[in-house]
Amino acid sequence: MKSTLLAILVLISLNVMGQDSICVNADPADSLVVYTPEFKFKRGIYLTYEDFKNNSPLPLSAVKTDLDSNSVHFFKDLLSHKKIYIYDNGQLRLLKNTEYWGYSDGRRVYCNSYGRFSRLDIIGSICFFVKISPMLDLNDAFYSHAYTNITRKNMMDPGRKTQADKYIMNFENGEVFLLNKKQLVSLLSKDAELLNDYNKYKGKKDVKTFMFIMKYNQKHPISFLK
């Protein structure tokens, strides 16, 4: 586990340094800018995946709340509720916490999975995040072997452990996959040269995985609206 985290941190830092040299070009027609880790997202709630892609969240002014929107705990406090109310065309509308894609606090982006929020640790043509969820056991109705061995105490239910599963997301269409070799190769296959390098590379699995996610993202940069 420690080696995996170290690999992620090292490769993310290399990605930051590598992207510093990327020229951020603005197109006057649509104000698109190439994404770098310094990009500032608009604060708000993404009702759909397209809202995230277009950097166009529901503004906080459209959310009915008495919470201080300037607080660093604003989103955590707001979204801890199972439902919130928003203004939609002048009408107050109920929004359950499973009915929107995610949110941004201006610095980071969080995607929603059945009311649980995961930070996008890597944003690019291939996004990466870790989803924490209650650990299933043999007595659960839908048991799966596709889990990691990462466990920690669930603060909401100290008697039950949680599991951390790694996911990748195709930025082009928002499709999410459990991170494994098959799914990663499927995305890398869009770049024959890079896929060839991936197949030839010999090294630790975790280092190799994140190295080629970074390489792919550097070769295929994404853009957001200002």
Protein backbone atom coordinates (compact mmCIF):
# COMPACT_ATOMS: atom_id res chain seq x y z
CA MET A 1 0.00 0.00 0.00
CA LYS A 2 2.80 2.43 0.97
CA SER A 3 4.67 1.74 -2.27
CA THR A 4 1.47 2.37 -4.27
CA LEU A 5 0.85 5.72 -2.59
CA LEU A 6 4.48 6.71 -3.04
CA ALA A 7 4.32 5.84 -6.73
CA ILE A 8 1.18 7.93 -7.16
CA LEU A 9 2.67 10.93 -5.35
CA VAL A 10 5.94 10.79 -7.28
CA LEU A 11 4.23 10.47 -10.65
CA ILE A 12 1.73 13.22 -9.88
CA SER A 13 4.60 15.53 -8.93
CA LEU A 14 6.37 14.65 -12.18
CA ASN A 15 3.16 15.36 -14.05
CA VAL A 16 2.90 18.79 -12.46
CA MET A 17 6.47 19.64 -13.46
CA GLY A 18 5.94 18.26 -16.92
CA GLN A 19 2.79 20.25 -17.51
CA ASP A 20 4.40 23.51 -16.45
CA SER A 21 5.86 23.68 -19.94
CA ILE A 22 2.49 23.25 -21.63
CA CYS A 23 1.38 26.46 -23.24
CA VAL A 24 -2.05 27.51 -22.03
CA ASN A 25 -3.80 28.76 -25.13
CA ALA A 26 -7.01 30.72 -25.01
CA ASP A 27 -9.31 30.68 -27.97
CA PRO A 28 -11.20 34.01 -28.14
CA ALA A 29 -14.16 32.23 -29.70
CA ASP A 30 -14.94 29.92 -26.83
CA SER A 31 -12.33 30.76 -24.13
CA LEU A 32 -11.00 27.20 -23.97
CA VAL A 33 -7.80 26.72 -22.02
CA VAL A 34 -5.57 23.67 -21.81
CA TYR A 35 -5.85 22.06 -18.40
CA THR A 36 -2.92 22.17 -15.97
CA PRO A 37 -2.94 21.35 -12.24
CA GLU A 38 -3.15 25.10 -11.55
CA PHE A 39 -6.48 25.44 -13.35
CA LYS A 40 -9.19 27.08 -11.22
CA PHE A 41 -12.57 25.40 -11.47
CA LYS A 42 -15.74 27.34 -10.83
CA ARG A 43 -17.26 26.55 -7.45
CA GLY A 44 -20.61 24.81 -7.50
CA ILE A 45 -22.52 21.60 -8.07
CA TYR A 46 -22.32 19.65 -11.32
CA LEU A 47 -25.80 18.39 -12.12
CA THR A 48 -24.43 16.35 -15.05
CA TYR A 49 -21.08 15.14 -16.34
CA GLU A 50 -21.31 17.69 -19.15
CA ASP A 51 -21.43 20.42 -16.50
CA PHE A 52 -18.03 19.22 -15.29
CA LYS A 53 -16.59 19.02 -18.83
CA ASN A 54 -17.80 22.55 -19.55
CA ASN A 55 -16.71 23.92 -16.16
CA SER A 56 -20.30 25.04 -15.73
CA PRO A 57 -21.59 24.03 -12.29
CA LEU A 58 -24.79 25.18 -10.69
CA PRO A 59 -23.70 28.38 -8.89
CA LEU A 60 -23.96 28.52 -5.12
CA SER A 61 -26.43 31.40 -5.46
CA ALA A 62 -28.91 28.84 -6.82
CA VAL A 63 -28.69 26.68 -3.69
CA LYS A 64 -31.08 27.33 -0.80
CA THR A 65 -29.02 27.15 2.37
CA ASP A 66 -28.19 29.07 5.53
CA LEU A 67 -24.60 27.82 5.54
CA ASP A 68 -21.68 30.18 5.01
CA SER A 69 -20.53 29.57 1.43
CA ASN A 70 -17.11 31.05 2.29
CA SER A 71 -16.41 28.37 4.88
CA VAL A 72 -13.83 25.73 4.00
CA HIS A 73 -16.35 23.18 5.29
CA PHE A 74 -19.24 24.49 3.19
CA PHE A 75 -19.54 21.60 0.72
CA LYS A 76 -18.89 18.96 3.35
CA ASP A 77 -21.66 20.40 5.54
CA LEU A 78 -24.04 21.03 2.65
CA LEU A 79 -23.69 17.65 0.99
CA SER A 80 -23.77 15.67 4.22
CA HIS A 81 -27.55 15.98 3.90
CA LYS A 82 -29.34 13.43 1.75
CA LYS A 83 -31.17 16.21 -0.06
CA ILE A 84 -30.81 19.91 -0.78
CA TYR A 85 -33.03 22.51 -2.40
CA ILE A 86 -32.09 24.49 -5.48
CA TYR A 87 -33.75 27.24 -7.48
CA ASP A 88 -34.66 26.04 -10.97
CA ASN A 89 -36.20 28.71 -13.24
CA GLY A 90 -37.37 30.58 -10.18
CA GLN A 91 -38.96 27.48 -8.64
CA LEU A 92 -37.64 25.67 -5.58
CA ARG A 93 -36.71 22.07 -6.44
CA LEU A 94 -35.65 19.14 -4.29
CA LEU A 95 -32.36 17.53 -5.27
CA LYS A 96 -31.35 14.24 -3.68
CA ASN A 97 -27.67 13.60 -3.09
CA THR A 98 -27.73 10.80 -5.67
CA GLU A 99 -29.13 13.03 -8.43
CA TYR A 100 -26.10 15.10 -9.38
CA TRP A 101 -22.70 14.23 -10.82
CA GLY A 102 -20.45 15.99 -8.32
CA TYR A 103 -19.07 19.34 -7.29
CA SER A 104 -15.99 21.57 -7.18
CA ASP A 105 -14.78 23.69 -4.29
CA GLY A 106 -12.72 25.76 -6.74
CA ARG A 107 -9.52 23.79 -6.32
CA ARG A 108 -10.57 20.16 -6.49
CA VAL A 109 -13.28 18.17 -8.25
CA TYR A 110 -15.35 15.47 -6.55
CA CYS A 111 -17.49 12.92 -8.36
CA ASN A 112 -20.60 11.39 -6.85
CA SER A 113 -21.24 7.69 -6.41
CA TYR A 114 -24.57 7.01 -4.76
CA GLY A 115 -24.16 9.89 -2.34
CA ARG A 116 -20.47 9.28 -1.60
CA PHE A 117 -17.96 11.74 -3.03
CA SER A 118 -14.52 10.88 -4.39
CA ARG A 119 -11.85 13.42 -5.31
CA LEU A 120 -10.41 13.20 -8.82
CA ASP A 121 -6.73 12.70 -7.92
CA ILE A 122 -5.70 12.83 -11.58
CA ILE A 123 -7.58 14.92 -14.14
CA GLY A 124 -6.81 14.40 -17.80
CA SER A 125 -7.85 12.32 -20.79
CA ILE A 126 -7.68 9.47 -18.27
CA CYS A 127 -8.89 10.55 -14.84
CA PHE A 128 -8.16 8.60 -11.68
CA PHE A 129 -9.89 8.45 -8.32
CA VAL A 130 -10.31 6.19 -5.30
CA LYS A 131 -13.79 5.33 -4.08
CA ILE A 132 -14.36 4.46 -0.44
CA SER A 133 -17.34 2.21 0.21
CA PRO A 134 -18.54 -0.21 2.89
CA MET A 135 -16.80 -3.55 2.63
CA LEU A 136 -18.99 -6.42 1.51
CA ASP A 137 -18.66 -9.90 2.91
CA LEU A 138 -19.84 -13.36 1.97
CA ASN A 139 -23.20 -12.69 3.56
CA ASP A 140 -23.94 -9.73 1.28
CA ALA A 141 -26.34 -10.34 -1.60
CA PHE A 142 -23.94 -9.03 -4.25
CA TYR A 143 -20.47 -10.19 -3.33
CA SER A 144 -17.58 -9.50 -5.66
CA HIS A 145 -13.91 -10.47 -5.59
CA ALA A 146 -12.87 -7.30 -7.44
CA TYR A 147 -11.74 -5.43 -4.33
CA THR A 148 -8.41 -4.26 -3.00
CA ASN A 149 -7.05 -5.15 0.41
CA ILE A 150 -7.13 -1.54 1.60
CA THR A 151 -9.35 -1.29 4.67
CA ARG A 152 -9.99 1.28 7.33
CA LYS A 153 -12.56 1.87 10.04
CA ASN A 154 -15.78 3.45 8.89
CA MET A 155 -16.29 6.54 11.08
CA MET A 156 -20.03 6.41 10.53
CA ASP A 157 -20.18 2.73 11.50
CA PRO A 158 -17.13 1.78 13.63
CA GLY A 159 -18.21 -1.85 13.54
CA ARG A 160 -17.84 -2.11 9.77
CA LYS A 161 -14.75 -1.70 7.64
CA THR A 162 -14.54 0.10 4.33
CA GLN A 163 -12.71 -0.70 1.12
CA ALA A 164 -10.86 1.59 -1.26
CA ASP A 165 -11.23 0.74 -4.93
CA LYS A 166 -9.26 2.43 -7.72
CA TYR A 167 -11.13 3.74 -10.74
CA ILE A 168 -10.28 5.42 -14.04
CA MET A 169 -12.61 7.60 -16.07
CA ASN A 170 -12.60 8.34 -19.79
CA PHE A 171 -12.78 12.13 -19.96
CA GLU A 172 -14.24 12.01 -23.45
CA ASN A 173 -17.54 10.47 -22.37
CA GLY A 174 -17.42 10.15 -18.58
CA GLU A 175 -17.40 6.35 -18.56
CA VAL A 176 -15.96 4.93 -15.34
CA PHE A 177 -14.09 1.62 -15.00
CA LEU A 178 -12.50 -0.31 -12.17
CA LEU A 179 -8.77 0.18 -12.69
CA ASN A 180 -7.25 -2.98 -14.13
CA LYS A 181 -4.91 -3.83 -17.00
CA LYS A 182 -7.72 -4.65 -19.45
CA GLN A 183 -9.51 -1.32 -19.03
CA LEU A 184 -6.30 0.70 -19.03
CA VAL A 185 -5.05 -0.98 -22.21
CA SER A 186 -8.41 -0.28 -23.83
CA LEU A 187 -7.92 3.47 -23.26
CA LEU A 188 -4.21 3.44 -24.16
CA SER A 189 -5.02 1.63 -27.42
CA LYS A 190 -6.06 4.98 -28.91
CA ASP A 191 -2.32 5.77 -29.02
CA ALA A 192 -0.55 2.87 -30.76
CA GLU A 193 2.95 4.16 -30.01
CA LEU A 194 2.26 4.60 -26.31
CA LEU A 195 0.52 1.24 -26.08
CA ASN A 196 3.58 -0.39 -27.62
CA ASP A 197 5.80 1.27 -25.01
CA TYR A 198 3.41 0.11 -22.28
CA ASN A 199 3.59 -3.50 -23.45
CA LYS A 200 7.40 -3.39 -23.55
CA TYR A 201 7.88 -1.68 -20.20
CA LYS A 202 9.17 -3.85 -17.37
CA GLY A 203 8.69 -2.62 -13.85
CA LYS A 204 6.44 -2.59 -10.83
CA LYS A 205 2.75 -2.80 -11.71
CA ASP A 206 1.62 0.29 -9.80
CA VAL A 207 4.48 2.45 -11.06
CA LYS A 208 3.86 1.29 -14.63
CA THR A 209 0.11 1.96 -14.37
CA PHE A 210 0.39 5.54 -13.17
CA MET A 211 3.40 6.34 -15.34
CA PHE A 212 1.45 5.54 -18.50
CA ILE A 213 -1.69 7.32 -17.32
CA MET A 214 0.50 10.42 -16.94
CA LYS A 215 2.22 9.87 -20.29
CA TYR A 216 -1.12 9.50 -22.04
CA ASN A 217 -2.50 12.64 -20.40
CA GLN A 218 0.59 14.64 -21.40
CA LYS A 219 0.34 13.50 -25.02
CA HIS A 220 -3.42 14.09 -25.14
CA PRO A 221 -4.16 17.24 -23.12
CA ILE A 222 -7.73 18.26 -22.34
CA SER A 223 -9.28 21.72 -22.25
CA PHE A 224 -11.89 23.45 -20.13
CA LEU A 225 -13.95 26.59 -20.57
CA LYS A 226 -12.72 29.47 -18.45
